[in-house]
Every structure is written in structure tokens, then in C-alpha cells.
Amino acid sequence: MTLEGSDKAQAMLGKTVLAGITYLDADGNALEHRQFVGEVLRINDDEGVVLASAVDGEELFLPPTLDHYTPAAPGDYTLRSMELTITNPDYLCTWDVHLARGNDP
């Protein structure tokens, strides 16, 4: 079965995802933390989870590991990096991106 044909992928379409991404150097030290929020436009094997940013409408591409997207508890969530508050997002996810030695600043 393809990713886009899964029940969870179908349920996520049109839903709001709040994502946090931490970038780490090769030694595991945090370099940067970014937050994103958007509506799920599509989910497929080639692109992963594609969001339309709630900030500017740009497409954001997130990993396709759907088990990593968990239902969000109702409430207000503040994206500190943007001073933006999102009420009742549908899903939350966090990712750690480990830069290979030589690719870190």
C-alpha cells in the first residue's frame, strides 16, 4: 500500500499540523530550533507530508513517518519563534535533524 492510500494519511488531509524541528551538529549540540504550522495539502511517497504554511502559504515538506504525527490535546499552542498562537491544532510532531560532520557550521 502506498503512503497516500493509508487511512491515517487520508484522515490527516486538511488538518492542522504544528511541527518543531531541532537542528543538531555532528556532536549532538543544538544549533537551531524552528517551528512550523500549516494545513496538510497532500501526503505521498515522493514528497512526504506537505503543508501549506499558515504564515505565508508556502509549501513545507515534512518526513512521511506518519506514526510520528500525534493527535494534539485541545488548547492554545504558542510558536515562540514567531510569537504566533495556534488554537486546537490537529496534530503535533517534532523532529531532530542531525547534520553530518563537515556540514555543520
Protein backbone atom coordinates (compact mmCIF):
# COMPACT_ATOMS: atom_id res chain seq x y z
CA MET A 1 0.00 0.00 0.00
CA THR A 2 1.25 3.47 -0.78
CA LEU A 3 1.55 6.14 1.87
CA GLU A 4 -1.21 8.24 0.33
CA GLY A 5 -3.63 5.30 0.43
CA SER A 6 -3.29 4.75 4.16
CA ASP A 7 -6.20 5.53 6.48
CA LYS A 8 -4.08 7.88 8.60
CA ALA A 9 -2.90 9.83 5.54
CA GLN A 10 -6.50 10.26 4.41
CA ALA A 11 -7.54 11.39 7.91
CA MET A 12 -4.71 13.96 8.04
CA LEU A 13 -5.66 15.76 4.81
CA GLY A 14 -6.89 19.27 5.51
CA LYS A 15 -5.84 19.08 9.17
CA THR A 16 -3.52 21.47 11.00
CA VAL A 17 -0.05 20.25 11.97
CA LEU A 18 2.25 22.01 14.43
CA ALA A 19 5.85 20.90 13.87
CA GLY A 20 9.08 21.56 15.73
CA ILE A 21 12.46 20.85 14.14
CA THR A 22 15.75 20.93 16.05
CA TYR A 23 18.96 21.06 14.02
CA LEU A 24 21.93 19.41 15.71
CA ASP A 25 25.62 19.42 14.81
CA ALA A 26 27.58 16.20 14.38
CA ASP A 27 28.28 16.09 18.13
CA GLY A 28 24.59 16.42 19.03
CA ASN A 29 24.69 20.08 20.08
CA ALA A 30 21.55 22.05 19.24
CA LEU A 31 22.18 24.70 16.59
CA GLU A 32 18.70 25.95 15.87
CA HIS A 33 15.07 25.22 16.68
CA ARG A 34 12.34 26.10 14.20
CA GLN A 35 8.58 25.83 14.45
CA PHE A 36 6.07 25.47 11.65
CA VAL A 37 2.30 25.29 11.37
CA GLY A 38 0.18 24.55 8.36
CA GLU A 39 -2.63 22.63 6.77
CA VAL A 40 -1.91 19.23 5.23
CA LEU A 41 -2.25 19.59 1.45
CA ARG A 42 -1.12 16.14 0.42
CA ILE A 43 0.77 13.09 1.62
CA ASN A 44 2.63 10.84 -0.76
CA ASP A 45 5.66 8.60 -1.08
CA ASP A 46 7.67 11.13 -3.11
CA GLU A 47 7.15 14.32 -1.09
CA GLY A 48 6.19 13.11 2.38
CA VAL A 49 3.74 15.29 4.31
CA VAL A 50 3.22 18.61 2.52
CA LEU A 51 1.78 21.53 4.46
CA ALA A 52 0.61 24.96 3.32
CA SER A 53 2.23 27.30 5.84
CA ALA A 54 -0.29 29.20 7.96
CA VAL A 55 2.13 32.14 7.90
CA ASP A 56 2.76 32.68 4.20
CA GLY A 57 1.12 29.82 2.27
CA GLU A 58 4.48 28.40 1.17
CA GLU A 59 4.67 24.61 0.93
CA LEU A 60 6.53 22.90 3.76
CA PHE A 61 7.80 19.35 3.36
CA LEU A 62 7.95 17.09 6.42
CA PRO A 63 9.04 13.46 6.78
CA PRO A 64 6.50 10.78 5.82
CA THR A 65 6.71 8.77 9.05
CA LEU A 66 3.03 9.06 9.95
CA ASP A 67 3.42 7.32 13.33
CA HIS A 68 5.35 10.42 14.40
CA TYR A 69 2.30 12.69 13.99
CA THR A 70 0.31 12.51 17.21
CA PRO A 71 -3.11 13.99 17.96
CA ALA A 72 -2.81 17.32 19.77
CA ALA A 73 -4.64 17.97 23.03
CA PRO A 74 -7.11 20.86 22.75
CA GLY A 75 -5.71 24.25 23.71
CA ASP A 76 -3.54 27.14 22.68
CA TYR A 77 -0.01 26.50 21.41
CA THR A 78 2.42 29.39 21.08
CA LEU A 79 5.15 29.29 18.45
CA ARG A 80 7.81 31.25 20.28
CA SER A 81 9.90 31.82 17.17
CA MET A 82 7.02 33.72 15.54
CA GLU A 83 5.00 34.93 18.52
CA LEU A 84 2.03 33.18 16.94
CA THR A 85 -0.64 31.29 18.89
CA ILE A 86 -2.46 28.38 17.29
CA THR A 87 -5.69 27.16 18.88
CA ASN A 88 -6.57 23.47 18.74
CA PRO A 89 -4.18 22.12 16.11
CA ASP A 90 -4.99 18.59 15.00
CA TYR A 91 -1.51 17.03 15.10
CA LEU A 92 1.88 17.64 16.71
CA CYS A 93 5.27 16.37 15.61
CA THR A 94 8.90 17.05 16.47
CA TRP A 95 11.99 16.14 14.51
CA ASP A 96 15.72 16.18 15.19
CA VAL A 97 17.91 16.79 12.14
CA HIS A 98 21.48 15.61 12.68
CA LEU A 99 23.98 17.31 10.38
CA ALA A 100 26.80 15.16 9.12
CA ARG A 101 30.32 16.09 10.19
CA GLY A 102 31.60 18.70 7.74
CA ASN A 103 28.07 20.02 7.07
CA ASP A 104 27.74 21.77 10.41
CA PRO A 105 28.71 25.43 10.74
